Every structure is written in C-alpha cells, then in structure tokens.
Amino acid sequence: MAEDWTDRHVARWKDHWLDVAFDEEVEGAFSRVHRIDRYLRRAKQRAVAEVGLSDFEYETLHVLMIRDTPGSASPTELATELGVSGAGMTGRLDGLEKAGWIRRLPGVDDRRRVIVEVTKAGIAIWRRAMDIRGRAEDDLAEALTQRELTTLNRLLKKVTVRAEEREDRG
C-alpha cells in the first residue's frame, strides 16, 4: 500500500519526543480520521459553493431537512440545533426566505408561533449540494470492499460511542 501523510507524520514523531507518550497506532488512526474529516469538510465547501449556497445557508437547510419533521421547525428549535442566538437565527432565516428557500408560516395550533418550512426551491438546492457531497463520500468509500466498509463502520461506531460517553460526563 502507498505511503500516506500519516505514515510520514508518525515516522517524524516516533523517535523525536522521547519524553512524550506516543503510540504509533493511536496516532496513525486518529491522524487519518482527522485527514478524512478535513477532506470531507472541503468537499462539502466545494459542493455548497458550486450550487450557490453559503455554509450557514446549507447548514440551516440541512438541519431543517434531517429532522424528525423533515423540512419544518420553529426558529427556536433551529437556533438550538445550530447553536446560534435567536438574533443570529432571524438573520439566517431572513436571507433564506429572501432567496425563496424557506417560508415562515403561522403555527397551526397557536398563530403566535412561527413555523419555518423549506420550499421546493430550498429542497432542490439542498439536494444538489447533497448529491455533490455524496459523490465525494462514495469516491472515498470505493477504496474499500463492502466487507471492509462494514468493518470500518463497526469499529468507528465503537470509538464514537466511547467519545459520546466521555462527552456526556462533561
């Protein structure tokens, strides 16, 4: 197998810092996860730019589309899920509404409540970005057999569960 950036990184470090605990396998695994994450983030940025969205527009549409109630949420729910202030959410929604990608509707049970809903145009532009982003993910996955991909997924899930447990502890 060809040498990658992480192989060179580990080779530089393994004998350099003798007073620092260094496990080549741990360093290699998580350096590679970081490199893959960086690649996928850049692929997402390219996809978003290609369809004419900004990062925050894509993120807002994405959060709206992957909810239990796809395409519909209150501004407060969106602000909480995106980790932005109410004022920040209002600004995002103003721009998305002006572009025709969302609309604000009065709540069915309480007309004082506002519901944000993705429009057909919003769904279309989000799907275009997702298709481009998905192709980048599929391209990387093609480096593995189906069995290897299943194994990788199982192993990453074990590490993810551990990380989530550690985060929950604070």
N, C-alpha and C. Protein backbone atom coordinates (compact mmCIF):
# COMPACT_ATOMS: atom_id res chain seq x y z
N MET A 1 0.84 -1.17 0.00
CA MET A 1 0.00 0.00 0.00
C MET A 1 0.89 1.24 0.00
N ALA A 2 0.46 2.27 -0.68
CA ALA A 2 1.23 3.50 -0.80
C ALA A 2 1.35 4.21 0.55
N GLU A 3 2.45 4.92 0.71
CA GLU A 3 2.65 5.71 1.92
C GLU A 3 1.73 6.92 1.88
N ASP A 4 1.18 7.30 3.04
CA ASP A 4 0.33 8.48 3.10
C ASP A 4 0.94 9.52 4.04
N TRP A 5 0.28 10.65 4.16
CA TRP A 5 0.76 11.74 5.00
C TRP A 5 0.98 11.26 6.43
N THR A 6 0.06 10.43 6.94
CA THR A 6 0.15 9.97 8.32
C THR A 6 1.38 9.08 8.53
N ASP A 7 1.72 8.24 7.57
CA ASP A 7 2.94 7.44 7.69
C ASP A 7 4.15 8.35 7.90
N ARG A 8 4.23 9.41 7.12
CA ARG A 8 5.35 10.34 7.24
C ARG A 8 5.30 11.09 8.58
N HIS A 9 4.11 11.46 9.00
CA HIS A 9 3.92 12.16 10.28
C HIS A 9 4.38 11.27 11.44
N VAL A 10 3.94 10.03 11.47
CA VAL A 10 4.32 9.10 12.55
C VAL A 10 5.83 8.85 12.53
N ALA A 11 6.39 8.68 11.34
CA ALA A 11 7.85 8.44 11.25
C ALA A 11 8.63 9.62 11.82
N ARG A 12 8.16 10.85 11.58
CA ARG A 12 8.84 12.04 12.12
C ARG A 12 8.75 12.09 13.63
N TRP A 13 7.61 11.69 14.18
CA TRP A 13 7.35 11.86 15.60
C TRP A 13 7.84 10.71 16.47
N LYS A 14 7.86 9.51 15.96
CA LYS A 14 8.03 8.34 16.84
C LYS A 14 9.30 8.36 17.68
N ASP A 15 10.38 8.90 17.16
CA ASP A 15 11.62 8.93 17.93
C ASP A 15 12.02 10.35 18.33
N HIS A 16 11.19 11.29 18.01
CA HIS A 16 11.53 12.69 18.24
C HIS A 16 11.25 13.14 19.67
N TRP A 17 10.10 12.81 20.18
CA TRP A 17 9.68 13.25 21.52
C TRP A 17 9.77 12.06 22.47
N LEU A 18 10.91 11.80 23.00
CA LEU A 18 11.12 10.63 23.85
C LEU A 18 10.44 10.77 25.22
N ASP A 19 10.19 12.01 25.64
CA ASP A 19 9.57 12.23 26.95
C ASP A 19 8.04 12.37 26.87
N VAL A 20 7.49 12.10 25.69
CA VAL A 20 6.04 12.18 25.48
C VAL A 20 5.54 10.80 25.09
N ALA A 21 4.47 10.36 25.76
CA ALA A 21 3.88 9.06 25.40
C ALA A 21 3.41 9.12 23.96
N PHE A 22 3.80 8.12 23.19
CA PHE A 22 3.47 8.13 21.76
C PHE A 22 3.20 6.71 21.30
N ASP A 23 1.97 6.46 20.92
CA ASP A 23 1.58 5.15 20.39
C ASP A 23 1.34 5.33 18.90
N GLU A 24 2.16 4.69 18.09
CA GLU A 24 2.08 4.85 16.64
C GLU A 24 0.70 4.50 16.09
N GLU A 25 0.08 3.45 16.62
CA GLU A 25 -1.23 3.03 16.12
C GLU A 25 -2.31 4.05 16.46
N VAL A 26 -2.28 4.55 17.68
CA VAL A 26 -3.26 5.57 18.09
C VAL A 26 -3.07 6.83 17.26
N GLU A 27 -1.82 7.28 17.16
CA GLU A 27 -1.53 8.48 16.38
C GLU A 27 -1.94 8.29 14.92
N GLY A 28 -1.62 7.13 14.37
CA GLY A 28 -1.96 6.86 12.98
C GLY A 28 -3.46 6.84 12.75
N ALA A 29 -4.19 6.14 13.60
CA ALA A 29 -5.64 6.03 13.43
C ALA A 29 -6.31 7.39 13.48
N PHE A 30 -6.00 8.18 14.51
CA PHE A 30 -6.72 9.44 14.67
C PHE A 30 -6.21 10.53 13.75
N SER A 31 -4.96 10.45 13.33
CA SER A 31 -4.48 11.38 12.30
C SER A 31 -5.22 11.12 10.99
N ARG A 32 -5.42 9.86 10.68
CA ARG A 32 -6.15 9.52 9.45
C ARG A 32 -7.61 9.95 9.52
N VAL A 33 -8.24 9.74 10.66
CA VAL A 33 -9.63 10.20 10.83
C VAL A 33 -9.69 11.71 10.62
N HIS A 34 -8.73 12.43 11.20
CA HIS A 34 -8.68 13.88 11.04
C HIS A 34 -8.49 14.27 9.58
N ARG A 35 -7.60 13.60 8.87
CA ARG A 35 -7.36 13.91 7.45
C ARG A 35 -8.61 13.66 6.60
N ILE A 36 -9.30 12.56 6.88
CA ILE A 36 -10.53 12.24 6.15
C ILE A 36 -11.59 13.29 6.45
N ASP A 37 -11.72 13.67 7.71
CA ASP A 37 -12.68 14.70 8.09
C ASP A 37 -12.38 16.00 7.36
N ARG A 38 -11.11 16.38 7.31
CA ARG A 38 -10.72 17.60 6.61
C ARG A 38 -11.07 17.52 5.12
N TYR A 39 -10.80 16.39 4.51
CA TYR A 39 -11.12 16.20 3.09
C TYR A 39 -12.63 16.35 2.87
N LEU A 40 -13.43 15.72 3.73
CA LEU A 40 -14.89 15.77 3.56
C LEU A 40 -15.44 17.16 3.83
N ARG A 41 -14.86 17.88 4.76
CA ARG A 41 -15.29 19.26 5.01
C ARG A 41 -15.02 20.13 3.77
N ARG A 42 -13.86 19.94 3.17
CA ARG A 42 -13.53 20.71 1.97
C ARG A 42 -14.44 20.31 0.80
N ALA A 43 -14.75 19.03 0.70
CA ALA A 43 -15.67 18.57 -0.34
C ALA A 43 -17.04 19.20 -0.15
N LYS A 44 -17.47 19.31 1.10
CA LYS A 44 -18.76 19.95 1.39
C LYS A 44 -18.70 21.42 1.01
N GLN A 45 -17.62 22.09 1.34
CA GLN A 45 -17.48 23.51 0.99
C GLN A 45 -17.53 23.72 -0.52
N ARG A 46 -16.88 22.82 -1.27
CA ARG A 46 -16.92 22.92 -2.73
C ARG A 46 -18.34 22.69 -3.25
N ALA A 47 -19.05 21.71 -2.68
CA ALA A 47 -20.41 21.41 -3.11
C ALA A 47 -21.33 22.59 -2.84
N VAL A 48 -21.21 23.16 -1.67
CA VAL A 48 -22.04 24.29 -1.27
C VAL A 48 -21.78 25.48 -2.20
N ALA A 49 -20.52 25.75 -2.46
CA ALA A 49 -20.16 26.86 -3.35
C ALA A 49 -20.65 26.61 -4.77
N GLU A 50 -20.53 25.37 -5.22
CA GLU A 50 -20.94 25.03 -6.59
C GLU A 50 -22.42 25.28 -6.84
N VAL A 51 -23.26 25.05 -5.83
CA VAL A 51 -24.70 25.26 -6.02
C VAL A 51 -25.13 26.67 -5.66
N GLY A 52 -24.20 27.48 -5.12
CA GLY A 52 -24.51 28.88 -4.83
C GLY A 52 -25.03 29.15 -3.43
N LEU A 53 -24.71 28.26 -2.49
CA LEU A 53 -25.09 28.47 -1.09
C LEU A 53 -23.87 28.90 -0.29
N SER A 54 -24.11 29.59 0.80
CA SER A 54 -23.04 29.82 1.77
C SER A 54 -23.10 28.68 2.78
N ASP A 55 -22.05 28.53 3.57
CA ASP A 55 -22.00 27.46 4.57
C ASP A 55 -23.21 27.52 5.50
N PHE A 56 -23.52 28.71 6.03
CA PHE A 56 -24.60 28.81 7.01
C PHE A 56 -25.96 28.54 6.36
N GLU A 57 -26.11 28.89 5.09
CA GLU A 57 -27.38 28.58 4.40
C GLU A 57 -27.54 27.06 4.25
N TYR A 58 -26.47 26.42 3.83
CA TYR A 58 -26.51 24.96 3.69
C TYR A 58 -26.79 24.31 5.04
N GLU A 59 -26.06 24.72 6.08
CA GLU A 59 -26.23 24.11 7.40
C GLU A 59 -27.67 24.27 7.90
N THR A 60 -28.25 25.44 7.68
CA THR A 60 -29.62 25.66 8.13
C THR A 60 -30.59 24.79 7.35
N LEU A 61 -30.45 24.73 6.03
CA LEU A 61 -31.32 23.86 5.23
C LEU A 61 -31.11 22.40 5.62
N HIS A 62 -29.86 22.02 5.87
CA HIS A 62 -29.55 20.64 6.23
C HIS A 62 -30.22 20.25 7.55
N VAL A 63 -30.09 21.10 8.54
CA VAL A 63 -30.74 20.82 9.83
C VAL A 63 -32.25 20.72 9.66
N LEU A 64 -32.81 21.59 8.84
CA LEU A 64 -34.25 21.52 8.57
C LEU A 64 -34.64 20.19 7.91
N MET A 65 -33.82 19.72 6.99
CA MET A 65 -34.17 18.55 6.20
C MET A 65 -33.93 17.22 6.93
N ILE A 66 -33.06 17.18 7.92
CA ILE A 66 -32.75 15.90 8.57
C ILE A 66 -33.47 15.73 9.90
N ARG A 67 -34.42 16.56 10.17
CA ARG A 67 -35.20 16.48 11.42
C ARG A 67 -36.20 15.32 11.38
N ASP A 68 -36.76 15.02 12.56
CA ASP A 68 -37.86 14.05 12.63
C ASP A 68 -39.07 14.56 11.84
N THR A 69 -39.16 15.88 11.73
CA THR A 69 -40.21 16.52 10.92
C THR A 69 -39.50 17.20 9.75
N PRO A 70 -39.10 16.43 8.73
CA PRO A 70 -38.28 16.98 7.65
C PRO A 70 -38.87 18.24 7.02
N GLY A 71 -38.03 19.26 6.97
CA GLY A 71 -38.41 20.49 6.30
C GLY A 71 -39.22 21.45 7.13
N SER A 72 -39.40 21.18 8.43
CA SER A 72 -40.26 22.03 9.25
C SER A 72 -39.74 22.10 10.69
N ALA A 73 -39.66 23.31 11.23
CA ALA A 73 -39.21 23.51 12.61
C ALA A 73 -39.55 24.92 13.04
N SER A 74 -39.51 25.16 14.33
CA SER A 74 -39.64 26.53 14.82
C SER A 74 -38.27 27.19 14.76
N PRO A 75 -38.23 28.51 14.70
CA PRO A 75 -36.93 29.20 14.72
C PRO A 75 -36.12 28.86 15.96
N THR A 76 -36.80 28.71 17.11
CA THR A 76 -36.10 28.37 18.35
C THR A 76 -35.47 26.99 18.26
N GLU A 77 -36.20 26.03 17.71
CA GLU A 77 -35.63 24.68 17.55
C GLU A 77 -34.40 24.72 16.65
N LEU A 78 -34.50 25.46 15.57
CA LEU A 78 -33.35 25.58 14.65
C LEU A 78 -32.16 26.24 15.33
N ALA A 79 -32.42 27.33 16.04
CA ALA A 79 -31.33 28.04 16.72
C ALA A 79 -30.64 27.12 17.72
N THR A 80 -31.41 26.34 18.44
CA THR A 80 -30.83 25.41 19.42
C THR A 80 -29.99 24.35 18.72
N GLU A 81 -30.53 23.75 17.67
CA GLU A 81 -29.80 22.69 16.97
C GLU A 81 -28.55 23.20 16.28
N LEU A 82 -28.58 24.44 15.82
CA LEU A 82 -27.42 25.02 15.13
C LEU A 82 -26.45 25.72 16.08
N GLY A 83 -26.88 25.93 17.33
CA GLY A 83 -26.02 26.60 18.30
C GLY A 83 -25.83 28.07 18.01
N VAL A 84 -26.88 28.73 17.52
CA VAL A 84 -26.80 30.17 17.25
C VAL A 84 -27.83 30.90 18.10
N SER A 85 -27.64 32.19 18.25
CA SER A 85 -28.57 33.00 19.03
C SER A 85 -29.88 33.19 18.27
N GLY A 86 -30.89 33.64 18.97
CA GLY A 86 -32.17 33.95 18.32
C GLY A 86 -32.01 35.01 17.24
N ALA A 87 -31.22 36.04 17.55
CA ALA A 87 -30.97 37.11 16.57
C ALA A 87 -30.22 36.57 15.36
N GLY A 88 -29.24 35.71 15.62
CA GLY A 88 -28.49 35.10 14.52
C GLY A 88 -29.40 34.25 13.64
N MET A 89 -30.32 33.54 14.29
CA MET A 89 -31.25 32.69 13.53
C MET A 89 -32.17 33.54 12.69
N THR A 90 -32.64 34.64 13.24
CA THR A 90 -33.51 35.55 12.49
C THR A 90 -32.81 36.04 11.23
N GLY A 91 -31.55 36.42 11.38
CA GLY A 91 -30.78 36.88 10.21
C GLY A 91 -30.64 35.79 9.17
N ARG A 92 -30.35 34.57 9.60
CA ARG A 92 -30.24 33.44 8.66
C ARG A 92 -31.56 33.23 7.93
N LEU A 93 -32.63 33.20 8.69
CA LEU A 93 -33.94 32.93 8.09
C LEU A 93 -34.36 34.04 7.14
N ASP A 94 -34.03 35.29 7.48
CA ASP A 94 -34.35 36.40 6.57
C ASP A 94 -33.71 36.18 5.21
N GLY A 95 -32.42 35.82 5.20
CA GLY A 95 -31.72 35.59 3.94
C GLY A 95 -32.27 34.40 3.17
N LEU A 96 -32.55 33.30 3.88
CA LEU A 96 -33.10 32.11 3.22
C LEU A 96 -34.49 32.38 2.66
N GLU A 97 -35.27 33.17 3.37
CA GLU A 97 -36.62 33.50 2.90
C GLU A 97 -36.54 34.41 1.67
N LYS A 98 -35.64 35.38 1.72
CA LYS A 98 -35.46 36.29 0.58
C LYS A 98 -35.04 35.52 -0.68
N ALA A 99 -34.21 34.48 -0.49
CA ALA A 99 -33.76 33.66 -1.62
C ALA A 99 -34.85 32.71 -2.11
N GLY A 100 -35.92 32.56 -1.32
CA GLY A 100 -37.01 31.67 -1.72
C GLY A 100 -36.81 30.22 -1.29
N TRP A 101 -35.89 29.97 -0.36
CA TRP A 101 -35.58 28.60 0.06
C TRP A 101 -36.36 28.15 1.29
N ILE A 102 -36.89 29.10 2.03
CA ILE A 102 -37.78 28.77 3.16
C ILE A 102 -38.93 29.75 3.17
N ARG A 103 -39.96 29.42 3.95
CA ARG A 103 -41.03 30.37 4.22
C ARG A 103 -41.38 30.25 5.70
N ARG A 104 -41.86 31.34 6.25
CA ARG A 104 -42.32 31.34 7.64
C ARG A 104 -43.84 31.33 7.63
N LEU A 105 -44.40 30.42 8.41
CA LEU A 105 -45.85 30.28 8.47
C LEU A 105 -46.32 30.38 9.92
N PRO A 106 -47.54 30.85 10.12
CA PRO A 106 -48.07 30.84 11.49
C PRO A 106 -48.34 29.40 11.92
N GLY A 107 -48.14 29.14 13.22
CA GLY A 107 -48.40 27.80 13.75
C GLY A 107 -49.86 27.42 13.59
N VAL A 108 -50.12 26.14 13.43
CA VAL A 108 -51.48 25.65 13.25
C VAL A 108 -52.27 25.77 14.55
N ASP A 109 -51.68 25.35 15.66
CA ASP A 109 -52.38 25.38 16.95
C ASP A 109 -52.29 26.73 17.65
N ASP A 110 -51.26 27.48 17.36
CA ASP A 110 -51.04 28.77 18.00
C ASP A 110 -50.48 29.72 16.96
N ARG A 111 -51.31 30.65 16.51
CA ARG A 111 -50.91 31.54 15.42
C ARG A 111 -49.79 32.51 15.83
N ARG A 112 -49.51 32.60 17.14
CA ARG A 112 -48.39 33.44 17.58
C ARG A 112 -47.06 32.74 17.31
N ARG A 113 -47.11 31.45 17.18
CA ARG A 113 -45.92 30.64 16.93
C ARG A 113 -45.60 30.66 15.44
N VAL A 114 -44.32 30.64 15.12
CA VAL A 114 -43.87 30.65 13.72
C VAL A 114 -43.27 29.29 13.41
N ILE A 115 -43.59 28.77 12.25
CA ILE A 115 -43.00 27.53 11.75
C ILE A 115 -42.21 27.88 10.51
N VAL A 116 -40.99 27.38 10.44
CA VAL A 116 -40.14 27.55 9.26
C VAL A 116 -40.29 26.30 8.42
N GLU A 117 -40.54 26.50 7.15
CA GLU A 117 -40.75 25.37 6.24
C GLU A 117 -39.88 25.55 5.00
N VAL A 118 -39.23 24.49 4.58
CA VAL A 118 -38.40 24.53 3.37
C VAL A 118 -39.33 24.53 2.15
N THR A 119 -39.00 25.36 1.17
CA THR A 119 -39.77 25.41 -0.07
C THR A 119 -39.23 24.36 -1.06
N LYS A 120 -39.94 24.18 -2.15
CA LYS A 120 -39.46 23.25 -3.19
C LYS A 120 -38.09 23.69 -3.71
N ALA A 121 -37.91 25.01 -3.86
CA ALA A 121 -36.60 25.52 -4.32
C ALA A 121 -35.52 25.24 -3.28
N GLY A 122 -35.84 25.35 -2.01
CA GLY A 122 -34.89 25.06 -0.94
C GLY A 122 -34.51 23.59 -0.92
N ILE A 123 -35.50 22.73 -1.10
CA ILE A 123 -35.23 21.29 -1.15
C ILE A 123 -34.34 20.97 -2.34
N ALA A 124 -34.64 21.59 -3.48
CA ALA A 124 -33.87 21.31 -4.70
C ALA A 124 -32.40 21.71 -4.55
N ILE A 125 -32.14 22.90 -4.01
CA ILE A 125 -30.75 23.34 -3.89
C ILE A 125 -30.01 22.53 -2.83
N TRP A 126 -30.69 22.16 -1.74
CA TRP A 126 -30.08 21.31 -0.72
C TRP A 126 -29.73 19.94 -1.31
N ARG A 127 -30.64 19.37 -2.09
CA ARG A 127 -30.38 18.06 -2.71
C ARG A 127 -29.22 18.12 -3.70
N ARG A 128 -29.12 19.21 -4.44
CA ARG A 128 -27.98 19.35 -5.37
C ARG A 128 -26.67 19.34 -4.60
N ALA A 129 -26.61 20.08 -3.50
CA ALA A 129 -25.39 20.10 -2.68
C ALA A 129 -25.13 18.73 -2.07
N MET A 130 -26.18 18.06 -1.61
CA MET A 130 -26.03 16.73 -1.02
C MET A 130 -25.54 15.71 -2.05
N ASP A 131 -26.02 15.81 -3.28
CA ASP A 131 -25.56 14.90 -4.33
C ASP A 131 -24.06 15.05 -4.58
N ILE A 132 -23.60 16.29 -4.67
CA ILE A 132 -22.18 16.54 -4.90
C ILE A 132 -21.37 16.05 -3.71
N ARG A 133 -21.84 16.38 -2.52
CA ARG A 133 -21.17 15.94 -1.30
C ARG A 133 -21.16 14.41 -1.22
N GLY A 134 -22.26 13.79 -1.55
CA GLY A 134 -22.37 12.33 -1.52
C GLY A 134 -21.41 11.65 -2.48
N ARG A 135 -21.19 12.26 -3.64
CA ARG A 135 -20.24 11.67 -4.59
C ARG A 135 -18.82 11.64 -4.02
N ALA A 136 -18.46 12.67 -3.26
CA ALA A 136 -17.13 12.70 -2.63
C ALA A 136 -17.02 11.58 -1.59
N GLU A 137 -18.09 11.37 -0.83
CA GLU A 137 -18.08 10.30 0.16
C GLU A 137 -18.02 8.93 -0.52
N ASP A 138 -18.83 8.75 -1.56
CA ASP A 138 -18.83 7.49 -2.29
C ASP A 138 -17.46 7.20 -2.90
N ASP A 139 -16.82 8.25 -3.41
CA ASP A 139 -15.50 8.08 -4.01
C ASP A 139 -14.50 7.53 -2.98
N LEU A 140 -14.52 8.06 -1.77
CA LEU A 140 -13.62 7.55 -0.73
C LEU A 140 -13.99 6.12 -0.34
N ALA A 141 -15.27 5.86 -0.22
CA ALA A 141 -15.72 4.53 0.19
C ALA A 141 -15.32 3.46 -0.83
N GLU A 142 -15.17 3.84 -2.09
CA GLU A 142 -14.78 2.88 -3.13
C GLU A 142 -13.38 2.32 -2.92
N ALA A 143 -12.60 2.92 -2.02
CA ALA A 143 -11.26 2.37 -1.70
C ALA A 143 -11.38 1.07 -0.92
N LEU A 144 -12.57 0.78 -0.39
CA LEU A 144 -12.79 -0.39 0.46
C LEU A 144 -13.75 -1.37 -0.19
N THR A 145 -13.61 -2.63 0.16
CA THR A 145 -14.62 -3.61 -0.23
C THR A 145 -15.83 -3.38 0.67
N GLN A 146 -16.95 -3.98 0.32
CA GLN A 146 -18.14 -3.85 1.16
C GLN A 146 -17.88 -4.39 2.56
N ARG A 147 -17.16 -5.51 2.62
CA ARG A 147 -16.84 -6.10 3.93
C ARG A 147 -15.95 -5.17 4.75
N GLU A 148 -14.95 -4.57 4.10
CA GLU A 148 -14.07 -3.64 4.81
C GLU A 148 -14.85 -2.42 5.30
N LEU A 149 -15.75 -1.92 4.46
CA LEU A 149 -16.57 -0.77 4.84
C LEU A 149 -17.45 -1.10 6.04
N THR A 150 -18.03 -2.29 6.05
CA THR A 150 -18.85 -2.72 7.18
C THR A 150 -18.01 -2.81 8.45
N THR A 151 -16.81 -3.37 8.33
CA THR A 151 -15.90 -3.48 9.48
C THR A 151 -15.49 -2.10 9.97
N LEU A 152 -15.12 -1.22 9.05
CA LEU A 152 -14.73 0.14 9.43
C LEU A 152 -15.87 0.83 10.16
N ASN A 153 -17.08 0.70 9.64
CA ASN A 153 -18.24 1.32 10.26
C ASN A 153 -18.45 0.79 11.68
N ARG A 154 -18.31 -0.51 11.86
CA ARG A 154 -18.48 -1.12 13.18
C ARG A 154 -17.41 -0.60 14.15
N LEU A 155 -16.17 -0.53 13.69
CA LEU A 155 -15.08 -0.06 14.56
C LEU A 155 -15.23 1.42 14.90
N LEU A 156 -15.58 2.23 13.92
CA LEU A 156 -15.77 3.65 14.18
C LEU A 156 -16.95 3.88 15.13
N LYS A 157 -17.97 3.04 15.03
CA LYS A 157 -19.10 3.17 15.95
C LYS A 157 -18.65 2.93 17.39
N LYS A 158 -17.80 1.94 17.62
CA LYS A 158 -17.30 1.68 18.97
C LYS A 158 -16.57 2.90 19.53
N VAL A 159 -15.75 3.53 18.70
CA VAL A 159 -15.00 4.70 19.14
C VAL A 159 -15.94 5.88 19.34
N THR A 160 -16.92 6.03 18.47
CA THR A 160 -17.88 7.13 18.58
C THR A 160 -18.71 7.00 19.85
N VAL A 161 -19.17 5.79 20.16
CA VAL A 161 -19.94 5.57 21.39
C VAL A 161 -19.09 5.97 22.60
N ARG A 162 -17.82 5.59 22.58
CA ARG A 162 -16.90 5.93 23.68
C ARG A 162 -16.77 7.45 23.79
N ALA A 163 -16.60 8.13 22.67
CA ALA A 163 -16.47 9.59 22.68
C ALA A 163 -17.75 10.24 23.22
N GLU A 164 -18.91 9.73 22.80
CA GLU A 164 -20.17 10.29 23.27
C GLU A 164 -20.35 10.07 24.78
N GLU A 165 -19.93 8.92 25.26
CA GLU A 165 -20.00 8.66 26.71
C GLU A 165 -19.11 9.64 27.47
N ARG A 166 -17.92 9.89 26.94
CA ARG A 166 -16.99 10.80 27.60
C ARG A 166 -17.53 12.23 27.58
N GLU A 167 -18.14 12.63 26.48
CA GLU A 167 -18.72 13.98 26.39
C GLU A 167 -19.86 14.14 27.37
N ASP A 168 -20.69 13.11 27.53
CA ASP A 168 -21.83 13.19 28.43
C ASP A 168 -21.40 13.36 29.88
N ARG A 169 -20.22 12.87 30.21
CA ARG A 169 -19.71 13.01 31.58
C ARG A 169 -19.26 14.42 31.88
N GLY A 170 -19.02 15.17 30.81
CA GLY A 170 -18.60 16.57 30.98
C GLY A 170 -17.17 16.67 31.05
